[in-house]
Amino acid sequence: MDSLHLTTSRQDTTVTVSLAGELDIATTEAVRGHLLGVLEEAGRARRPDVSVVIEVSGLSFIDAAGLGILVSVHNQAARRHTSLRLANVPPNMRRLLRITGLEAHLTPQS
């Protein structure tokens, strides 16, 4: 079982949170807390152009609880008028997002 690793970087008006390992029921609360903290920080910046990117190329697994956290955080970002999107989505996760109807909401339009 892979644990989950979170790293956060900031460049100009973009905050990138990279996830690596497994995003599942055992790790969702840590991810939720971290991402909500990032959204709070973005809100304190009081800049309309601040965006949050969740880089997911390092995820080896995601379950329904993991998807639920991503949707929940995305909804929180929308309420705060903060742009949030997934980046570098691996093919197996992109397929899952497409099947669940979440692809258009969580990933940039091509």
Protein backbone atom coordinates (compact mmCIF):
# COMPACT_ATOMS: atom_id res chain seq x y z
CA MET A 1 0.00 0.00 0.00
CA ASP A 2 1.37 3.42 -0.99
CA SER A 3 1.01 6.23 1.47
CA LEU A 4 0.00 9.66 0.26
CA HIS A 5 2.53 12.44 -0.13
CA LEU A 6 1.53 16.10 -0.48
CA THR A 7 3.81 18.89 -1.63
CA THR A 8 2.83 22.50 -2.14
CA SER A 9 4.57 25.09 -4.25
CA ARG A 10 3.75 28.69 -5.05
CA GLN A 11 4.64 30.60 -8.18
CA ASP A 12 3.22 34.04 -8.83
CA THR A 13 -0.56 33.66 -8.45
CA THR A 14 -0.68 29.85 -8.73
CA VAL A 15 -0.55 27.44 -5.81
CA THR A 16 0.18 23.87 -6.88
CA VAL A 17 -0.51 20.92 -4.62
CA SER A 18 1.06 17.69 -5.89
CA LEU A 19 -0.44 14.40 -4.76
CA ALA A 20 1.50 11.14 -4.98
CA GLY A 21 0.49 7.69 -3.76
CA GLU A 22 -3.04 6.62 -2.89
CA LEU A 23 -5.99 8.95 -2.43
CA ASP A 24 -8.49 6.76 -0.62
CA ILE A 25 -10.70 6.65 2.45
CA ALA A 26 -7.62 6.43 4.69
CA THR A 27 -6.03 9.61 3.30
CA THR A 28 -8.97 11.83 2.37
CA GLU A 29 -9.15 13.82 5.61
CA ALA A 30 -5.49 14.82 5.37
CA VAL A 31 -6.03 15.93 1.78
CA ARG A 32 -9.22 17.80 2.64
CA GLY A 33 -7.55 19.66 5.48
CA HIS A 34 -4.53 20.58 3.39
CA LEU A 35 -6.53 21.76 0.39
CA LEU A 36 -8.97 23.77 2.50
CA GLY A 37 -5.96 25.43 4.13
CA VAL A 38 -4.61 26.31 0.68
CA LEU A 39 -8.01 27.77 -0.28
CA GLU A 40 -8.07 29.85 2.92
CA GLU A 41 -4.59 31.16 2.12
CA ALA A 42 -5.68 32.00 -1.43
CA GLY A 43 -8.69 33.86 -0.05
CA ARG A 44 -6.51 35.91 2.27
CA ALA A 45 -4.44 37.01 -0.73
CA ARG A 46 -7.53 38.90 -1.92
CA ARG A 47 -6.46 38.64 -5.52
CA PRO A 48 -9.03 37.51 -8.06
CA ASP A 49 -6.38 35.86 -10.23
CA VAL A 50 -5.13 33.35 -7.61
CA SER A 51 -5.61 29.79 -8.76
CA VAL A 52 -5.09 26.38 -7.20
CA VAL A 53 -3.82 23.45 -9.24
CA ILE A 54 -3.94 19.89 -7.95
CA GLU A 55 -1.23 17.94 -9.77
CA VAL A 56 -2.24 14.27 -9.80
CA SER A 57 0.26 12.54 -12.09
CA GLY A 58 1.78 10.81 -9.04
CA LEU A 59 -1.45 9.20 -7.87
CA SER A 60 -1.31 5.42 -8.12
CA PHE A 61 -4.88 4.91 -6.89
CA ILE A 62 -8.07 6.88 -6.21
CA ASP A 63 -11.34 5.55 -4.83
CA ALA A 64 -14.83 7.02 -4.45
CA ALA A 65 -13.86 8.77 -1.21
CA GLY A 66 -10.92 10.40 -3.01
CA LEU A 67 -13.18 11.58 -5.82
CA GLY A 68 -15.61 12.90 -3.25
CA ILE A 69 -12.91 15.01 -1.62
CA LEU A 70 -11.90 16.49 -4.97
CA VAL A 71 -15.52 17.42 -5.70
CA SER A 72 -16.02 18.85 -2.21
CA VAL A 73 -12.88 21.00 -2.43
CA HIS A 74 -13.80 22.09 -5.96
CA ASN A 75 -17.20 23.23 -4.67
CA GLN A 76 -15.56 25.11 -1.79
CA ALA A 77 -13.25 26.84 -4.27
CA ALA A 78 -16.21 27.86 -6.43
CA ARG A 79 -17.98 29.36 -3.41
CA ARG A 80 -14.81 31.36 -2.68
CA HIS A 81 -14.45 32.41 -6.33
CA THR A 82 -11.07 30.68 -6.55
CA SER A 83 -10.07 28.76 -9.67
CA LEU A 84 -9.26 25.11 -8.91
CA ARG A 85 -8.40 22.43 -11.43
CA LEU A 86 -6.64 19.10 -11.77
CA ALA A 87 -3.48 18.86 -13.86
CA ASN A 88 -1.54 16.02 -15.48
CA VAL A 89 -4.36 13.55 -14.99
CA PRO A 90 -3.20 10.00 -15.84
CA PRO A 91 -5.29 8.10 -18.42
CA ASN A 92 -6.88 5.68 -15.92
CA MET A 93 -8.00 8.56 -13.70
CA ARG A 94 -9.20 10.60 -16.70
CA ARG A 95 -11.35 7.61 -17.70
CA LEU A 96 -12.82 7.48 -14.19
CA LEU A 97 -13.57 11.21 -14.31
CA ARG A 98 -15.21 10.81 -17.71
CA ILE A 99 -17.36 7.85 -16.55
CA THR A 100 -18.52 9.74 -13.45
CA GLY A 101 -19.20 12.96 -15.38
CA LEU A 102 -16.59 14.89 -13.39
CA GLU A 103 -14.05 15.47 -16.16
CA ALA A 104 -15.60 18.72 -17.39
CA HIS A 105 -15.77 20.10 -13.84
CA LEU A 106 -12.31 19.19 -12.56
CA THR A 107 -10.00 19.38 -15.57
CA PRO A 108 -9.24 22.17 -18.02
CA GLN A 109 -11.09 22.18 -21.30
CA SER A 110 -9.00 21.03 -24.25
